[in-house]
PDB file of N, CA and C in Angstrom:
ATOM      1  N   MET A   1     124.044  80.904 107.032  1.00  0.00           N
ATOM      2  CA  MET A   1     123.476  79.838 106.176  1.00  0.00           C
ATOM      3  C   MET A   1     123.369  80.336 104.711  1.00  0.00           C
ATOM      4  N   SER A   2     123.724  79.494 103.780  1.00  0.00           N
ATOM      5  CA  SER A   2     123.613  79.880 102.382  1.00  0.00           C
ATOM      6  C   SER A   2     122.732  78.947 101.684  1.00  0.00           C
ATOM      7  N   MET A   3     122.049  79.482 100.687  1.00  0.00           N
ATOM      8  CA  MET A   3     121.096  78.711  99.898  1.00  0.00           C
ATOM      9  C   MET A   3     121.754  78.332  98.589  1.00  0.00           C
ATOM     10  N   ASP A   4     122.230  77.081  98.497  1.00  0.00           N
ATOM     11  CA  ASP A   4     122.813  76.692  97.197  1.00  0.00           C
ATOM     12  C   ASP A   4     121.694  76.270  96.234  1.00  0.00           C
ATOM     13  N   LYS A   5     122.065  75.827  95.073  1.00  0.00           N
ATOM     14  CA  LYS A   5     121.099  75.540  94.085  1.00  0.00           C
ATOM     15  C   LYS A   5     120.118  74.400  94.460  1.00  0.00           C
ATOM     16  N   GLU A   6     120.711  73.360  95.166  1.00  0.00           N
ATOM     17  CA  GLU A   6     119.933  72.250  95.580  1.00  0.00           C
ATOM     18  C   GLU A   6     118.926  72.628  96.608  1.00  0.00           C
ATOM     19  N   ALA A   7     119.356  73.517  97.600  1.00  0.00           N
ATOM     20  CA  ALA A   7     118.395  74.008  98.610  1.00  0.00           C
ATOM     21  C   ALA A   7     117.230  74.807  98.013  1.00  0.00           C
ATOM     22  N   VAL A   8     117.519  75.613  97.031  1.00  0.00           N
ATOM     23  CA  VAL A   8     116.545  76.444  96.369  1.00  0.00           C
ATOM     24  C   VAL A   8     115.521  75.541  95.652  1.00  0.00           C
ATOM     25  N   CYS A   9     116.041  74.490  95.025  1.00  0.00           N
ATOM     26  CA  CYS A   9     115.186  73.551  94.322  1.00  0.00           C
ATOM     27  C   CYS A   9     114.244  72.844  95.364  1.00  0.00           C
ATOM     28  N   LYS A  10     114.851  72.424  96.437  1.00  0.00           N
ATOM     29  CA  LYS A  10     114.047  71.728  97.498  1.00  0.00           C
ATOM     30  C   LYS A  10     112.958  72.640  98.069  1.00  0.00           C
ATOM     31  N   VAL A  11     113.307  73.861  98.331  1.00  0.00           N
ATOM     32  CA  VAL A  11     112.278  74.760  98.916  1.00  0.00           C
ATOM     33  C   VAL A  11     111.223  75.037  97.913  1.00  0.00           C
ATOM     34  N   ALA A  12     111.626  75.211  96.618  1.00  0.00           N
ATOM     35  CA  ALA A  12     110.580  75.403  95.531  1.00  0.00           C
ATOM     36  C   ALA A  12     109.647  74.196  95.378  1.00  0.00           C
ATOM     37  N   ARG A  13     110.246  73.008  95.515  1.00  0.00           N
ATOM     38  CA  ARG A  13     109.444  71.771  95.415  1.00  0.00           C
ATOM     39  C   ARG A  13     108.506  71.603  96.568  1.00  0.00           C
ATOM     40  N   LEU A  14     109.014  71.913  97.811  1.00  0.00           N
ATOM     41  CA  LEU A  14     108.165  71.814  99.017  1.00  0.00           C
ATOM     42  C   LEU A  14     106.996  72.824  98.994  1.00  0.00           C
ATOM     43  N   SER A  15     107.329  74.043  98.435  1.00  0.00           N
ATOM     44  CA  SER A  15     106.269  75.029  98.435  1.00  0.00           C
ATOM     45  C   SER A  15     105.423  74.983  97.107  1.00  0.00           C
ATOM     46  N   GLN A  16     105.755  73.982  96.309  1.00  0.00           N
ATOM     47  CA  GLN A  16     105.020  73.717  95.037  1.00  0.00           C
ATOM     48  C   GLN A  16     105.042  74.945  94.188  1.00  0.00           C
ATOM     49  N   ILE A  17     106.286  75.486  93.978  1.00  0.00           N
ATOM     50  CA  ILE A  17     106.501  76.653  93.136  1.00  0.00           C
ATOM     51  C   ILE A  17     107.384  76.251  91.964  1.00  0.00           C
ATOM     52  N   ARG A  18     106.932  76.491  90.745  1.00  0.00           N
ATOM     53  CA  ARG A  18     107.750  76.149  89.588  1.00  0.00           C
ATOM     54  C   ARG A  18     108.797  77.226  89.390  1.00  0.00           C
ATOM     55  N   VAL A  19     110.121  76.820  89.356  1.00  0.00           N
ATOM     56  CA  VAL A  19     111.215  77.739  89.244  1.00  0.00           C
ATOM     57  C   VAL A  19     112.120  77.292  88.102  1.00  0.00           C
ATOM     58  N   SER A  20     112.455  78.193  87.199  1.00  0.00           N
ATOM     59  CA  SER A  20     113.331  77.864  86.097  1.00  0.00           C
ATOM     60  C   SER A  20     114.805  77.857  86.576  1.00  0.00           C
ATOM     61  N   GLU A  21     115.666  77.353  85.696  1.00  0.00           N
ATOM     62  CA  GLU A  21     117.076  77.323  86.050  1.00  0.00           C
ATOM     63  C   GLU A  21     117.637  78.773  86.219  1.00  0.00           C
ATOM     64  N   GLU A  22     117.191  79.644  85.321  1.00  0.00           N
ATOM     65  CA  GLU A  22     117.647  81.054  85.401  1.00  0.00           C
ATOM     66  C   GLU A  22     117.196  81.697  86.670  1.00  0.00           C
ATOM     67  N   GLU A  23     115.965  81.421  87.067  1.00  0.00           N
ATOM     68  CA  GLU A  23     115.423  82.004  88.379  1.00  0.00           C
ATOM     69  C   GLU A  23     116.205  81.405  89.561  1.00  0.00           C
ATOM     70  N   ILE A  24     116.564  80.176  89.503  1.00  0.00           N
ATOM     71  CA  ILE A  24     117.326  79.585  90.652  1.00  0.00           C
ATOM     72  C   ILE A  24     118.608  80.305  90.791  1.00  0.00           C
ATOM     73  N   GLU A  25     119.302  80.628  89.674  1.00  0.00           N
ATOM     74  CA  GLU A  25     120.605  81.278  89.812  1.00  0.00           C
ATOM     75  C   GLU A  25     120.400  82.722  90.402  1.00  0.00           C
ATOM     76  N   ARG A  26     119.306  83.329  90.042  1.00  0.00           N
ATOM     77  CA  ARG A  26     119.008  84.721  90.519  1.00  0.00           C
ATOM     78  C   ARG A  26     118.475  84.724  91.972  1.00  0.00           C
ATOM     79  N   ILE A  27     117.669  83.704  92.298  1.00  0.00           N
ATOM     80  CA  ILE A  27     117.105  83.649  93.600  1.00  0.00           C
ATOM     81  C   ILE A  27     118.032  83.195  94.738  1.00  0.00           C
ATOM     82  N   SER A  28     118.999  82.302  94.405  1.00  0.00           N
ATOM     83  CA  SER A  28     119.913  81.747  95.430  1.00  0.00           C
ATOM     84  C   SER A  28     120.613  82.837  96.215  1.00  0.00           C
ATOM     85  N   PRO A  29     121.281  83.877  95.614  1.00  0.00           N
ATOM     86  CA  PRO A  29     121.921  84.860  96.461  1.00  0.00           C
ATOM     87  C   PRO A  29     121.003  85.771  97.196  1.00  0.00           C
ATOM     88  N   GLN A  30     119.789  85.923  96.623  1.00  0.00           N
ATOM     89  CA  GLN A  30     118.754  86.751  97.359  1.00  0.00           C
ATOM     90  C   GLN A  30     118.270  86.020  98.597  1.00  0.00           C
ATOM     91  N   LEU A  31     118.036  84.709  98.562  1.00  0.00           N
ATOM     92  CA  LEU A  31     117.604  83.998  99.665  1.00  0.00           C
ATOM     93  C   LEU A  31     118.737  83.912 100.708  1.00  0.00           C
ATOM     94  N   THR A  32     119.984  83.828 100.245  1.00  0.00           N
ATOM     95  CA  THR A  32     121.090  83.827 101.173  1.00  0.00           C
ATOM     96  C   THR A  32     121.180  85.076 101.944  1.00  0.00           C
ATOM     97  N   GLY A  33     121.010  86.129 101.286  1.00  0.00           N
ATOM     98  CA  GLY A  33     120.953  87.554 101.940  1.00  0.00           C
ATOM     99  C   GLY A  33     119.868  87.636 102.935  1.00  0.00           C
ATOM    100  N   ILE A  34     118.726  87.109 102.602  1.00  0.00           N
ATOM    101  CA  ILE A  34     117.580  87.187 103.525  1.00  0.00           C
ATOM    102  C   ILE A  34     117.874  86.336 104.812  1.00  0.00           C
ATOM    103  N   LEU A  35     118.394  85.159 104.589  1.00  0.00           N
ATOM    104  CA  LEU A  35     118.715  84.321 105.741  1.00  0.00           C
ATOM    105  C   LEU A  35     119.844  84.902 106.666  1.00  0.00           C
ATOM    106  N   LYS A  36     120.794  85.618 106.030  1.00  0.00           N
ATOM    107  CA  LYS A  36     121.828  86.261 106.842  1.00  0.00           C
ATOM    108  C   LYS A  36     121.281  87.366 107.611  1.00  0.00           C
ATOM    109  N   TRP A  37     120.267  88.097 107.039  1.00  0.00           N
ATOM    110  CA  TRP A  37     119.657  89.185 107.777  1.00  0.00           C
ATOM    111  C   TRP A  37     118.834  88.649 108.916  1.00  0.00           C
ATOM    112  N   ILE A  38     118.134  87.458 108.762  1.00  0.00           N
ATOM    113  CA  ILE A  38     117.436  86.881 109.846  1.00  0.00           C
ATOM    114  C   ILE A  38     118.317  86.432 110.927  1.00  0.00           C
ATOM    115  N   GLU A  39     119.482  85.841 110.585  1.00  0.00           N
ATOM    116  CA  GLU A  39     120.450  85.459 111.557  1.00  0.00           C
ATOM    117  C   GLU A  39     120.935  86.701 112.359  1.00  0.00           C
ATOM    118  N   GLN A  40     121.128  87.772 111.693  1.00  0.00           N
ATOM    119  CA  GLN A  40     121.593  89.031 112.347  1.00  0.00           C
ATOM    120  C   GLN A  40     120.476  89.495 113.323  1.00  0.00           C
ATOM    121  N   LEU A  41     119.259  89.382 112.985  1.00  0.00           N
ATOM    122  CA  LEU A  41     118.154  89.814 113.876  1.00  0.00           C
ATOM    123  C   LEU A  41     118.190  88.881 115.101  1.00  0.00           C
ATOM    124  N   GLY A  42     118.513  87.646 114.958  1.00  0.00           N
ATOM    125  CA  GLY A  42     118.573  86.698 116.019  1.00  0.00           C
ATOM    126  C   GLY A  42     119.610  87.018 117.046  1.00  0.00           C
ATOM    127  N   GLU A  43     120.615  87.796 116.720  1.00  0.00           N
ATOM    128  CA  GLU A  43     121.687  88.203 117.614  1.00  0.00           C
ATOM    129  C   GLU A  43     121.327  89.350 118.547  1.00  0.00           C
ATOM    130  N   VAL A  44     120.223  90.016 118.175  1.00  0.00           N
ATOM    131  CA  VAL A  44     119.779  91.221 119.015  1.00  0.00           C
ATOM    132  C   VAL A  44     119.340  90.744 120.356  1.00  0.00           C
ATOM    133  N   ASN A  45     119.793  91.370 121.373  1.00  0.00           N
ATOM    134  CA  ASN A  45     119.410  91.103 122.772  1.00  0.00           C
ATOM    135  C   ASN A  45     118.059  91.695 123.050  1.00  0.00           C
ATOM    136  N   THR A  46     117.041  90.867 123.294  1.00  0.00           N
ATOM    137  CA  THR A  46     115.667  91.354 123.541  1.00  0.00           C
ATOM    138  C   THR A  46     115.166  90.850 124.939  1.00  0.00           C
ATOM    139  N   ASP A  47     116.114  90.602 125.829  1.00  0.00           N
ATOM    140  CA  ASP A  47     115.793  90.083 127.157  1.00  0.00           C
ATOM    141  C   ASP A  47     114.838  90.973 127.975  1.00  0.00           C
ATOM    142  N   ASN A  48     115.084  92.277 127.969  1.00  0.00           N
ATOM    143  CA  ASN A  48     114.362  93.189 128.814  1.00  0.00           C
ATOM    144  C   ASN A  48     113.322  94.070 127.994  1.00  0.00           C
ATOM    145  N   VAL A  49     112.942  93.575 126.873  1.00  0.00           N
ATOM    146  CA  VAL A  49     112.063  94.278 125.941  1.00  0.00           C
ATOM    147  C   VAL A  49     110.662  93.626 126.077  1.00  0.00           C
ATOM    148  N   GLU A  50     109.654  94.421 126.483  1.00  0.00           N
ATOM    149  CA  GLU A  50     108.290  93.927 126.603  1.00  0.00           C
ATOM    150  C   GLU A  50     107.670  93.832 125.192  1.00  0.00           C
ATOM    151  N   PRO A  51     106.848  92.809 124.996  1.00  0.00           N
ATOM    152  CA  PRO A  51     106.197  92.667 123.669  1.00  0.00           C
ATOM    153  C   PRO A  51     105.276  93.848 123.429  1.00  0.00           C
ATOM    154  N   LEU A  52     105.136  94.307 122.230  1.00  0.00           N
ATOM    155  CA  LEU A  52     104.332  95.455 121.900  1.00  0.00           C
ATOM    156  C   LEU A  52     103.255  94.968 120.866  1.00  0.00           C
ATOM    157  N   ALA A  53     102.044  95.596 121.027  1.00  0.00           N
ATOM    158  CA  ALA A  53     100.998  95.374 120.002  1.00  0.00           C
ATOM    159  C   ALA A  53     101.093  96.556 119.023  1.00  0.00           C
ATOM    160  N   ASN A  54     101.613  97.666 119.504  1.00  0.00           N
ATOM    161  CA  ASN A  54     101.709  98.833 118.698  1.00  0.00           C
ATOM    162  C   ASN A  54     102.957  99.624 119.132  1.00  0.00           C
ATOM    163  N   VAL A  55     103.624 100.232 118.239  1.00  0.00           N
ATOM    164  CA  VAL A  55     104.872 100.962 118.602  1.00  0.00           C
ATOM    165  C   VAL A  55     104.590 102.340 119.217  1.00  0.00           C
ATOM    166  N   VAL A  56     103.370 102.840 118.952  1.00  0.00           N
ATOM    167  CA  VAL A  56     102.925 104.122 119.532  1.00  0.00           C
ATOM    168  C   VAL A  56     102.117 103.835 120.843  1.00  0.00           C
ATOM    169  N   ASP A  57     102.453 104.450 121.892  1.00  0.00           N
ATOM    170  CA  ASP A  57     101.733 104.175 123.125  1.00  0.00           C
ATOM    171  C   ASP A  57     100.409 104.930 123.173  1.00  0.00           C
ATOM    172  N   SER A  58      99.447 104.278 122.574  1.00  0.00           N
ATOM    173  CA  SER A  58      98.117 104.890 122.538  1.00  0.00           C
ATOM    174  C   SER A  58      97.084 103.842 122.712  1.00  0.00           C
ATOM    175  N   ASP A  59      95.947 104.284 123.302  1.00  0.00           N
ATOM    176  CA  ASP A  59      94.852 103.319 123.491  1.00  0.00           C
ATOM    177  C   ASP A  59      93.885 103.371 122.373  1.00  0.00           C
ATOM    178  N   LEU A  60      93.333 102.224 122.012  1.00  0.00           N
ATOM    179  CA  LEU A  60      92.316 102.243 120.917  1.00  0.00           C
ATOM    180  C   LEU A  60      90.929 102.584 121.537  1.00  0.00           C
ATOM    181  N   HIS A  61      90.225 103.327 120.776  1.00  0.00           N
ATOM    182  CA  HIS A  61      88.895 103.733 121.178  1.00  0.00           C
ATOM    183  C   HIS A  61      87.925 102.603 120.643  1.00  0.00           C
ATOM    184  N   LEU A  62      87.427 101.810 121.567  1.00  0.00           N
ATOM    185  CA  LEU A  62      86.659 100.692 121.197  1.00  0.00           C
ATOM    186  C   LEU A  62      85.177 101.074 121.267  1.00  0.00           C
ATOM    187  N   ARG A  63      84.394 100.553 120.312  1.00  0.00           N
ATOM    188  CA  ARG A  63      82.954 100.773 120.314  1.00  0.00           C
ATOM    189  C   ARG A  63      82.340  99.677 121.264  1.00  0.00           C
ATOM    190  N   LYS A  64      81.141  99.989 121.678  1.00  0.00           N
ATOM    191  CA  LYS A  64      80.443  99.072 122.511  1.00  0.00           C
ATOM    192  C   LYS A  64      80.076  97.815 121.695  1.00  0.00           C
ATOM    193  N   ASP A  65      80.274  96.632 122.264  1.00  0.00           N
ATOM    194  CA  ASP A  65      80.046  95.379 121.546  1.00  0.00           C
ATOM    195  C   ASP A  65      78.585  94.990 121.613  1.00  0.00           C
ATOM    196  N   GLU A  66      77.819  95.314 120.668  1.00  0.00           N
ATOM    197  CA  GLU A  66      76.366  95.032 120.570  1.00  0.00           C
ATOM    198  C   GLU A  66      76.073  94.097 119.471  1.00  0.00           C
ATOM    199  N   ILE A  67      75.240  93.091 119.727  1.00  0.00           N
ATOM    200  CA  ILE A  67      74.813  92.171 118.727  1.00  0.00           C
ATOM    201  C   ILE A  67      73.676  92.698 117.898  1.00  0.00           C
ATOM    202  N   THR A  68      73.930  92.842 116.646  1.00  0.00           N
ATOM    203  CA  THR A  68      72.820  93.314 115.712  1.00  0.00           C
ATOM    204  C   THR A  68      72.763  92.352 114.547  1.00  0.00           C
ATOM    205  N   ASP A  69      71.647  92.016 114.110  1.00  0.00           N
ATOM    206  CA  ASP A  69      71.470  91.115 113.022  1.00  0.00           C
ATOM    207  C   ASP A  69      71.066  91.916 111.751  1.00  0.00           C
ATOM    208  N   GLY A  70      70.978  93.192 111.881  1.00  0.00           N
ATOM    209  CA  GLY A  70      70.580  94.056 110.704  1.00  0.00           C
ATOM    210  C   GLY A  70      69.108  94.053 110.462  1.00  0.00           C
ATOM    211  N   ASN A  71      68.386  93.129 111.029  1.00  0.00           N
ATOM    212  CA  ASN A  71      66.982  93.057 110.937  1.00  0.00           C
ATOM    213  C   ASN A  71      66.486  93.093 109.469  1.00  0.00           C
ATOM    214  N   CYS A  72      67.172  92.397 108.611  1.00  0.00           N
ATOM    215  CA  CYS A  72      66.839  92.452 107.164  1.00  0.00           C
ATOM    216  C   CYS A  72      66.858  91.044 106.581  1.00  0.00           C
ATOM    217  N   SER A  73      66.392  90.025 107.328  1.00  0.00           N
ATOM    218  CA  SER A  73      66.412  88.653 106.858  1.00  0.00           C
ATOM    219  C   SER A  73      65.518  88.487 105.618  1.00  0.00           C
ATOM    220  N   ASP A  74      64.459  89.315 105.565  1.00  0.00           N
ATOM    221  CA  ASP A  74      63.536  89.194 104.400  1.00  0.00           C
ATOM    222  C   ASP A  74      64.198  89.571 103.052  1.00  0.00           C
ATOM    223  N   LYS A  75      65.096  90.666 103.203  1.00  0.00           N
ATOM    224  CA  LYS A  75      65.824  91.122 102.012  1.00  0.00           C
ATOM    225  C   LYS A  75      66.858  90.139 101.586  1.00  0.00           C
ATOM    226  N   ILE A  76      67.572  89.476 102.592  1.00  0.00           N
ATOM    227  CA  ILE A  76      68.575  88.491 102.381  1.00  0.00           C
ATOM    228  C   ILE A  76      68.010  87.211 101.693  1.00  0.00           C
ATOM    229  N   LEU A  77      66.892  86.804 102.291  1.00  0.00           N
ATOM    230  CA  LEU A  77      66.245  85.538 101.753  1.00  0.00           C
ATOM    231  C   LEU A  77      65.515  85.750 100.481  1.00  0.00           C
ATOM    232  N   ALA A  78      65.310  86.993 100.098  1.00  0.00           N
ATOM    233  CA  ALA A  78      64.680  87.218  98.797  1.00  0.00           C
ATOM    234  C   ALA A  78      65.526  86.719  97.628  1.00  0.00           C
ATOM    235  N   ASN A  79      66.883  86.636  97.843  1.00  0.00           N
ATOM    236  CA  ASN A  79      67.711  86.071  96.817  1.00  0.00           C
ATOM    237  C   ASN A  79      67.868  84.553  96.836  1.00  0.00           C
ATOM    238  N   ALA A  80      67.315  83.899  97.874  1.00  0.00           N
ATOM    239  CA  ALA A  80      67.434  82.456  98.013  1.00  0.00           C
ATOM    240  C   ALA A  80      66.439  81.739  97.044  1.00  0.00           C
ATOM    241  N   PRO A  81      66.874  80.701  96.438  1.00  0.00           N
ATOM    242  CA  PRO A  81      65.946  79.932  95.570  1.00  0.00           C
ATOM    243  C   PRO A  81      64.838  79.258  96.402  1.00  0.00           C
ATOM    244  N   GLU A  82      65.144  78.886  97.653  1.00  0.00           N
ATOM    245  CA  GLU A  82      64.226  78.290  98.568  1.00  0.00           C
ATOM    246  C   GLU A  82      64.549  78.631  99.971  1.00  0.00           C
ATOM    247  N   GLU A  83      63.508  78.874 100.830  1.00  0.00           N
ATOM    248  CA  GLU A  83      63.753  79.148 102.242  1.00  0.00           C
ATOM    249  C   GLU A  83      62.593  78.606 103.015  1.00  0.00           C
ATOM    250  N   VAL A  84      62.955  78.133 104.259  1.00  0.00           N
ATOM    251  CA  VAL A  84      61.982  77.606 105.165  1.00  0.00           C
ATOM    252  C   VAL A  84      62.263  78.229 106.566  1.00  0.00           C
ATOM    253  N   GLN A  85      61.269  78.820 107.163  1.00  0.00           N
ATOM    254  CA  GLN A  85      61.380  79.398 108.510  1.00  0.00           C
ATOM    255  C   GLN A  85      62.563  80.365 108.663  1.00  0.00           C
ATOM    256  N   ASN A  86      62.700  81.242 107.689  1.00  0.00           N
ATOM    257  CA  ASN A  86      63.880  82.224 107.716  1.00  0.00           C
ATOM    258  C   ASN A  86      65.239  81.620 107.655  1.00  0.00           C
ATOM    259  N   PHE A  87      65.327  80.424 106.950  1.00  0.00           N
ATOM    260  CA  PHE A  87      66.606  79.820 106.733  1.00  0.00           C
ATOM    261  C   PHE A  87      66.771  79.424 105.286  1.00  0.00           C
ATOM    262  N   PHE A  88      68.025  79.454 104.734  1.00  0.00           N
ATOM    263  CA  PHE A  88      68.294  78.991 103.429  1.00  0.00           C
ATOM    264  C   PHE A  88      68.102  77.475 103.363  1.00  0.00           C
ATOM    265  N   VAL A  89      67.535  76.950 102.323  1.00  0.00           N
ATOM    266  CA  VAL A  89      67.470  75.547 102.053  1.00  0.00           C
ATOM    267  C   VAL A  89      68.519  75.173 101.021  1.00  0.00           C
ATOM    268  N   VAL A  90      69.355  74.219 101.491  1.00  0.00           N
ATOM    269  CA  VAL A  90      70.476  73.782 100.601  1.00  0.00           C
ATOM    270  C   VAL A  90      70.342  72.267 100.349  1.00  0.00           C
ATOM    271  N   PRO A  91      70.848  71.771  99.287  1.00  0.00           N
ATOM    272  CA  PRO A  91      70.800  70.345  99.042  1.00  0.00           C
ATOM    273  C   PRO A  91      71.680  69.570 100.022  1.00  0.00           C
ATOM    274  N   LYS A  92      71.237  68.363 100.325  1.00  0.00           N
ATOM    275  CA  LYS A  92      72.000  67.526 101.242  1.00  0.00           C
ATOM    276  C   LYS A  92      73.323  67.114 100.546  1.00  0.00           C
ATOM    277  N   VAL A  93      74.433  67.258 101.204  1.00  0.00           N
ATOM    278  CA  VAL A  93      75.718  66.880 100.605  1.00  0.00           C
ATOM    279  C   VAL A  93      76.360  65.665 101.261  1.00  0.00           C
ATOM    280  N   ILE A  94      75.825  65.200 102.331  1.00  0.00           N
ATOM    281  CA  ILE A  94      76.398  64.046 103.077  1.00  0.00           C
ATOM    282  C   ILE A  94      75.341  62.979 103.073  1.00  0.00           C
ATOM    283  N   GLU A  95      75.729  61.805 102.713  1.00  0.00           N
ATOM    284  CA  GLU A  95      74.727  60.702 102.718  1.00  0.00           C
ATOM    285  C   GLU A  95      74.725  60.024 104.054  1.00  0.00           C
TER     286      GLU A  95
END
């Protein structure tokens, strides 16, 4: 697949990117090269390859999942202009 000038302009418009005429001429062959590389990757046979989360076969050392609130709500609410029952008071935004 090749990216001609019209295709580059369409992609730029759809992605809401402003591109000058000089940039279009420079970007077009670069995008064509990227798309050819992607097509080449699509030809690789991956039928018997298991999905990997990490290329190194190692286990992550996970910490115990404990809920902590930091026990510092008084320090946090000290910055609030107004608080009620340990909650921030905010103006109503929906009628």
